[in-house]
């Protein structure tokens, strides 16, 4: 199954990018060579997207 992200509305495209950033932030947090707190990336977003980013960070932290 493939999806063309370009065909999504701009708001959904942004949400996909925020989810990817949250997953990467949690990966960096778990990486013993980096160990950067995932919340440190939250400043890259404002308002609703910042809240969404933090929700996604919690979601990805629960995954092993």
C-alpha atoms as a PDB file:
ATOM      1  CA  UNK A   1       0.000   0.000   0.000  1.00  0.00           C
ATOM      2  CA  UNK A   2       1.397   3.373  -0.895  1.00  0.00           C
ATOM      3  CA  UNK A   3       0.137   6.835  -0.140  1.00  0.00           C
ATOM      4  CA  UNK A   4       0.968  10.044  -1.905  1.00  0.00           C
ATOM      5  CA  UNK A   5       1.436  12.609   0.841  1.00  0.00           C
ATOM      6  CA  UNK A   6       1.215  15.396  -1.721  1.00  0.00           C
ATOM      7  CA  UNK A   7      -2.424  14.531  -2.293  1.00  0.00           C
ATOM      8  CA  UNK A   8      -3.279  15.234   1.358  1.00  0.00           C
ATOM      9  CA  UNK A   9      -4.567  18.637   2.432  1.00  0.00           C
ATOM     10  CA  UNK A  10      -1.821  20.905   3.856  1.00  0.00           C
ATOM     11  CA  UNK A  11      -3.043  20.470   7.447  1.00  0.00           C
ATOM     12  CA  UNK A  12      -2.805  16.681   7.214  1.00  0.00           C
ATOM     13  CA  UNK A  13       0.621  16.943   5.579  1.00  0.00           C
ATOM     14  CA  UNK A  14       1.786  19.027   8.531  1.00  0.00           C
ATOM     15  CA  UNK A  15       0.409  16.468  10.999  1.00  0.00           C
ATOM     16  CA  UNK A  16       2.299  13.675   9.216  1.00  0.00           C
ATOM     17  CA  UNK A  17       5.507  15.717   9.434  1.00  0.00           C
ATOM     18  CA  UNK A  18       4.913  16.373  13.151  1.00  0.00           C
ATOM     19  CA  UNK A  19       4.383  12.642  13.748  1.00  0.00           C
ATOM     20  CA  UNK A  20       7.633  11.850  11.946  1.00  0.00           C
ATOM     21  CA  UNK A  21       9.454  14.479  14.009  1.00  0.00           C
ATOM     22  CA  UNK A  22       8.029  13.030  17.240  1.00  0.00           C
ATOM     23  CA  UNK A  23       9.133   9.522  16.295  1.00  0.00           C
ATOM     24  CA  UNK A  24      12.633  10.811  15.495  1.00  0.00           C
ATOM     25  CA  UNK A  25      12.775  12.789  18.760  1.00  0.00           C
ATOM     26  CA  UNK A  26      11.918   9.655  20.764  1.00  0.00           C
ATOM     27  CA  UNK A  27      14.520   7.680  18.814  1.00  0.00           C
ATOM     28  CA  UNK A  28      17.145  10.307  19.673  1.00  0.00           C
ATOM     29  CA  UNK A  29      16.070  10.147  23.319  1.00  0.00           C
ATOM     30  CA  UNK A  30      16.557   6.367  23.373  1.00  0.00           C
ATOM     31  CA  UNK A  31      19.866   6.436  21.497  1.00  0.00           C
ATOM     32  CA  UNK A  32      22.650   6.079  24.096  1.00  0.00           C
ATOM     33  CA  UNK A  33      24.988   8.291  22.053  1.00  0.00           C
ATOM     34  CA  UNK A  34      22.523  11.187  21.812  1.00  0.00           C
ATOM     35  CA  UNK A  35      20.114  11.066  24.807  1.00  0.00           C
ATOM     36  CA  UNK A  36      18.373  14.356  23.959  1.00  0.00           C
ATOM     37  CA  UNK A  37      14.996  14.774  25.723  1.00  0.00           C
ATOM     38  CA  UNK A  38      12.229  14.541  23.132  1.00  0.00           C
ATOM     39  CA  UNK A  39      10.472  17.577  24.618  1.00  0.00           C
ATOM     40  CA  UNK A  40      13.402  19.749  23.569  1.00  0.00           C
ATOM     41  CA  UNK A  41      12.064  19.551  20.007  1.00  0.00           C
ATOM     42  CA  UNK A  42       8.620  20.884  20.998  1.00  0.00           C
ATOM     43  CA  UNK A  43       9.806  24.482  20.608  1.00  0.00           C
ATOM     44  CA  UNK A  44       9.872  23.946  16.848  1.00  0.00           C
ATOM     45  CA  UNK A  45       6.062  24.028  16.852  1.00  0.00           C
ATOM     46  CA  UNK A  46       3.451  26.511  18.025  1.00  0.00           C
ATOM     47  CA  UNK A  47      -0.042  26.166  19.449  1.00  0.00           C
ATOM     48  CA  UNK A  48      -2.037  23.145  18.388  1.00  0.00           C
ATOM     49  CA  UNK A  49       0.881  21.537  16.558  1.00  0.00           C
ATOM     50  CA  UNK A  50       3.056  21.760  19.676  1.00  0.00           C
ATOM     51  CA  UNK A  51       0.346  19.982  21.671  1.00  0.00           C
ATOM     52  CA  UNK A  52       0.009  17.384  18.921  1.00  0.00           C
ATOM     53  CA  UNK A  53       3.802  16.885  18.884  1.00  0.00           C
ATOM     54  CA  UNK A  54       3.852  16.224  22.645  1.00  0.00           C
ATOM     55  CA  UNK A  55       0.931  13.789  22.326  1.00  0.00           C
ATOM     56  CA  UNK A  56       2.793  11.914  19.622  1.00  0.00           C
ATOM     57  CA  UNK A  57       5.966  11.837  21.738  1.00  0.00           C
ATOM     58  CA  UNK A  58       3.976  10.121  24.501  1.00  0.00           C
ATOM     59  CA  UNK A  59       2.498   7.716  21.953  1.00  0.00           C
ATOM     60  CA  UNK A  60       5.914   6.758  20.587  1.00  0.00           C
ATOM     61  CA  UNK A  61       7.404   6.423  24.077  1.00  0.00           C
ATOM     62  CA  UNK A  62       4.844   3.718  24.833  1.00  0.00           C
ATOM     63  CA  UNK A  63       6.019   1.716  21.817  1.00  0.00           C
ATOM     64  CA  UNK A  64       8.979  -0.577  22.269  1.00  0.00           C
END
